[in-house]
Amino acid sequence: GSFFKRPHNNFAGKLIQDAGLRGLQVGGAQISPLHAGFIINTGGATATDIIDLMEIVRSTVYQEFGVLLEPEVRIIGD
C-alpha cells in the first residue's frame, strides 16, 4: 500500500510527484517511478535507506507545500 497517509484535501503521491521526487533513490530504496506514493526496494535496500528516503521526502514536501506527510507504515526497532 501507500507509504504515506493521505493528507487532508490532497494526495501524498501527487505532492511527492509535484515536488519532483518521483524516481529519487537512496541506496536500494526508491520513490516508485510509476506511482510516487510508493517506496520500492530496487534490490538490497536497508531500513536506513528507506528511513533516509522517507525523511528527504517529508522535508522536501514540507518545504515546497507546507504539508508534513505522515508515514502510513509503522517503523519498529532502532
Foldseek 3Di string as FASTA:
>chain_A
DFFWDQDPPGGLQVLLVVLVQAQPFFVQWGQHVVTNRDIDGNPDDDPVRVVVSLVVSQVSSCVVPVDGIHTPDDDDDD
